[in-house]
Amino acid sequence: MLQADPSGFSSFWGQLAVALMLLVVVIMLWRRFLNQRNK
């Protein structure tokens, strides 16, 4: 799955997917933190 791609296209999309997943996790944790603080 982690094969060297000469064009670097798949690696770019792989990094983009990881960045999006991290962003979603951060947003979920941030909203949960705000909800706990508002109570």
PDB file of N, CA and C in Angstrom:
ATOM      1  N   MET A   1       0.849  -1.199   0.000  1.00  0.00           N
ATOM      2  CA  MET A   1       0.000   0.000   0.000  1.00  0.00           C
ATOM      3  C   MET A   1       0.887   1.253   0.000  1.00  0.00           C
ATOM      4  N   LEU A   2       1.992   1.192   0.758  1.00  0.00           N
ATOM      5  CA  LEU A   2       2.904   2.339   0.775  1.00  0.00           C
ATOM      6  C   LEU A   2       3.980   2.123  -0.281  1.00  0.00           C
ATOM      7  N   GLN A   3       3.602   2.228  -1.552  1.00  0.00           N
ATOM      8  CA  GLN A   3       4.564   2.042  -2.634  1.00  0.00           C
ATOM      9  C   GLN A   3       5.066   3.392  -3.131  1.00  0.00           C
ATOM     10  N   ALA A   4       6.317   3.411  -3.607  1.00  0.00           N
ATOM     11  CA  ALA A   4       6.889   4.664  -4.117  1.00  0.00           C
ATOM     12  C   ALA A   4       6.241   5.009  -5.450  1.00  0.00           C
ATOM     13  N   ASP A   5       5.655   6.184  -5.532  1.00  0.00           N
ATOM     14  CA  ASP A   5       5.006   6.622  -6.768  1.00  0.00           C
ATOM     15  C   ASP A   5       5.887   7.671  -7.438  1.00  0.00           C
ATOM     16  N   PRO A   6       6.359   7.413  -8.656  1.00  0.00           N
ATOM     17  CA  PRO A   6       7.263   8.360  -9.332  1.00  0.00           C
ATOM     18  C   PRO A   6       6.641   9.729  -9.540  1.00  0.00           C
ATOM     19  N   SER A   7       5.331   9.775  -9.726  1.00  0.00           N
ATOM     20  CA  SER A   7       4.680  11.064  -9.982  1.00  0.00           C
ATOM     21  C   SER A   7       4.335  11.772  -8.666  1.00  0.00           C
ATOM     22  N   GLY A   8       4.258  11.013  -7.567  1.00  0.00           N
ATOM     23  CA  GLY A   8       3.930  11.613  -6.276  1.00  0.00           C
ATOM     24  C   GLY A   8       2.456  11.966  -6.176  1.00  0.00           C
ATOM     25  N   PHE A   9       1.637  11.433  -7.082  1.00  0.00           N
ATOM     26  CA  PHE A   9       0.208  11.775  -7.087  1.00  0.00           C
ATOM     27  C   PHE A   9      -0.521  11.074  -5.946  1.00  0.00           C
ATOM     28  N   SER A  10      -0.287   9.766  -5.808  1.00  0.00           N
ATOM     29  CA  SER A  10      -0.984   9.015  -4.759  1.00  0.00           C
ATOM     30  C   SER A  10      -0.522   9.475  -3.381  1.00  0.00           C
ATOM     31  N   SER A  11       0.761   9.825  -3.256  1.00  0.00           N
ATOM     32  CA  SER A  11       1.249  10.278  -1.950  1.00  0.00           C
ATOM     33  C   SER A  11       0.578  11.592  -1.575  1.00  0.00           C
ATOM     34  N   PHE A  12       0.343  12.451  -2.580  1.00  0.00           N
ATOM     35  CA  PHE A  12      -0.326  13.728  -2.307  1.00  0.00           C
ATOM     36  C   PHE A  12      -1.734  13.483  -1.793  1.00  0.00           C
ATOM     37  N   TRP A  13      -2.474  12.589  -2.464  1.00  0.00           N
ATOM     38  CA  TRP A  13      -3.845  12.308  -2.022  1.00  0.00           C
ATOM     39  C   TRP A  13      -3.841  11.599  -0.677  1.00  0.00           C
ATOM     40  N   GLY A  14      -2.809  10.785  -0.424  1.00  0.00           N
ATOM     41  CA  GLY A  14      -2.716  10.109   0.873  1.00  0.00           C
ATOM     42  C   GLY A  14      -2.525  11.122   1.991  1.00  0.00           C
ATOM     43  N   GLN A  15      -1.629  12.090   1.764  1.00  0.00           N
ATOM     44  CA  GLN A  15      -1.411  13.126   2.774  1.00  0.00           C
ATOM     45  C   GLN A  15      -2.660  13.972   2.935  1.00  0.00           C
ATOM     46  N   LEU A  16      -3.357  14.249   1.828  1.00  0.00           N
ATOM     47  CA  LEU A  16      -4.579  15.058   1.898  1.00  0.00           C
ATOM     48  C   LEU A  16      -5.647  14.323   2.710  1.00  0.00           C
ATOM     49  N   ALA A  17      -5.775  13.014   2.490  1.00  0.00           N
ATOM     50  CA  ALA A  17      -6.772  12.237   3.232  1.00  0.00           C
ATOM     51  C   ALA A  17      -6.436  12.224   4.722  1.00  0.00           C
ATOM     52  N   VAL A  18      -5.155  12.052   5.051  1.00  0.00           N
ATOM     53  CA  VAL A  18      -4.745  12.043   6.465  1.00  0.00           C
ATOM     54  C   VAL A  18      -5.009  13.403   7.091  1.00  0.00           C
ATOM     55  N   ALA A  19      -4.710  14.474   6.349  1.00  0.00           N
ATOM     56  CA  ALA A  19      -4.930  15.826   6.876  1.00  0.00           C
ATOM     57  C   ALA A  19      -6.418  16.058   7.126  1.00  0.00           C
ATOM     58  N   LEU A  20      -7.270  15.587   6.215  1.00  0.00           N
ATOM     59  CA  LEU A  20      -8.715  15.774   6.388  1.00  0.00           C
ATOM     60  C   LEU A  20      -9.214  14.994   7.601  1.00  0.00           C
ATOM     61  N   MET A  21      -8.708  13.764   7.781  1.00  0.00           N
ATOM     62  CA  MET A  21      -9.147  12.970   8.933  1.00  0.00           C
ATOM     63  C   MET A  21      -8.714  13.637  10.234  1.00  0.00           C
ATOM     64  N   LEU A  22      -7.467  14.148  10.264  1.00  0.00           N
ATOM     65  CA  LEU A  22      -7.000  14.830  11.477  1.00  0.00           C
ATOM     66  C   LEU A  22      -7.841  16.071  11.734  1.00  0.00           C
ATOM     67  N   LEU A  23      -8.196  16.790  10.659  1.00  0.00           N
ATOM     68  CA  LEU A  23      -8.994  18.007  10.823  1.00  0.00           C
ATOM     69  C   LEU A  23     -10.367  17.666  11.395  1.00  0.00           C
ATOM     70  N   VAL A  24     -10.975  16.584  10.901  1.00  0.00           N
ATOM     71  CA  VAL A  24     -12.292  16.178  11.403  1.00  0.00           C
ATOM     72  C   VAL A  24     -12.204  15.791  12.878  1.00  0.00           C
ATOM     73  N   VAL A  25     -11.153  15.064  13.243  1.00  0.00           N
ATOM     74  CA  VAL A  25     -10.989  14.650  14.646  1.00  0.00           C
ATOM     75  C   VAL A  25     -10.812  15.869  15.540  1.00  0.00           C
ATOM     76  N   VAL A  26      -9.995  16.830  15.092  1.00  0.00           N
ATOM     77  CA  VAL A  26      -9.766  18.038  15.896  1.00  0.00           C
ATOM     78  C   VAL A  26     -11.064  18.812  16.071  1.00  0.00           C
ATOM     79  N   ILE A  27     -11.867  18.917  14.994  1.00  0.00           N
ATOM     80  CA  ILE A  27     -13.135  19.656  15.079  1.00  0.00           C
ATOM     81  C   ILE A  27     -14.089  18.949  16.049  1.00  0.00           C
ATOM     82  N   MET A  28     -14.156  17.612  15.976  1.00  0.00           N
ATOM     83  CA  MET A  28     -15.048  16.871  16.872  1.00  0.00           C
ATOM     84  C   MET A  28     -14.624  17.067  18.324  1.00  0.00           C
ATOM     85  N   LEU A  29     -13.312  16.954  18.588  1.00  0.00           N
ATOM     86  CA  LEU A  29     -12.834  17.125  19.964  1.00  0.00           C
ATOM     87  C   LEU A  29     -13.070  18.550  20.434  1.00  0.00           C
ATOM     88  N   TRP A  30     -12.878  19.528  19.543  1.00  0.00           N
ATOM     89  CA  TRP A  30     -13.064  20.937  19.926  1.00  0.00           C
ATOM     90  C   TRP A  30     -14.525  21.206  20.259  1.00  0.00           C
ATOM     91  N   ARG A  31     -15.459  20.675  19.447  1.00  0.00           N
ATOM     92  CA  ARG A  31     -16.889  20.887  19.715  1.00  0.00           C
ATOM     93  C   ARG A  31     -17.279  20.210  21.028  1.00  0.00           C
ATOM     94  N   ARG A  32     -16.735  19.009  21.278  1.00  0.00           N
ATOM     95  CA  ARG A  32     -17.039  18.309  22.531  1.00  0.00           C
ATOM     96  C   ARG A  32     -16.515  19.117  23.712  1.00  0.00           C
ATOM     97  N   PHE A  33     -15.325  19.698  23.571  1.00  0.00           N
ATOM     98  CA  PHE A  33     -14.743  20.516  24.649  1.00  0.00           C
ATOM     99  C   PHE A  33     -15.607  21.742  24.904  1.00  0.00           C
ATOM    100  N   LEU A  34     -16.077  22.388  23.843  1.00  0.00           N
ATOM    101  CA  LEU A  34     -16.921  23.574  24.016  1.00  0.00           C
ATOM    102  C   LEU A  34     -18.247  23.192  24.670  1.00  0.00           C
ATOM    103  N   ASN A  35     -18.816  22.048  24.277  1.00  0.00           N
ATOM    104  CA  ASN A  35     -20.089  21.628  24.866  1.00  0.00           C
ATOM    105  C   ASN A  35     -19.927  21.341  26.354  1.00  0.00           C
ATOM    106  N   GLN A  36     -18.821  20.720  26.748  1.00  0.00           N
ATOM    107  CA  GLN A  36     -18.609  20.425  28.166  1.00  0.00           C
ATOM    108  C   GLN A  36     -18.390  21.714  28.943  1.00  0.00           C
ATOM    109  N   ARG A  37     -17.735  22.705  28.330  1.00  0.00           N
ATOM    110  CA  ARG A  37     -17.448  23.944  29.042  1.00  0.00           C
ATOM    111  C   ARG A  37     -18.709  24.786  29.198  1.00  0.00           C
ATOM    112  N   ASN A  38     -19.645  24.674  28.252  1.00  0.00           N
ATOM    113  CA  ASN A  38     -20.865  25.481  28.321  1.00  0.00           C
ATOM    114  C   ASN A  38     -21.826  24.961  29.384  1.00  0.00           C
ATOM    115  N   LYS A  39     -21.733  23.678  29.739  1.00  0.00           N
ATOM    116  CA  LYS A  39     -22.688  23.115  30.699  1.00  0.00           C
ATOM    117  C   LYS A  39     -22.466  23.640  32.105  1.00  0.00           C
TER     118      LYS A  39
END
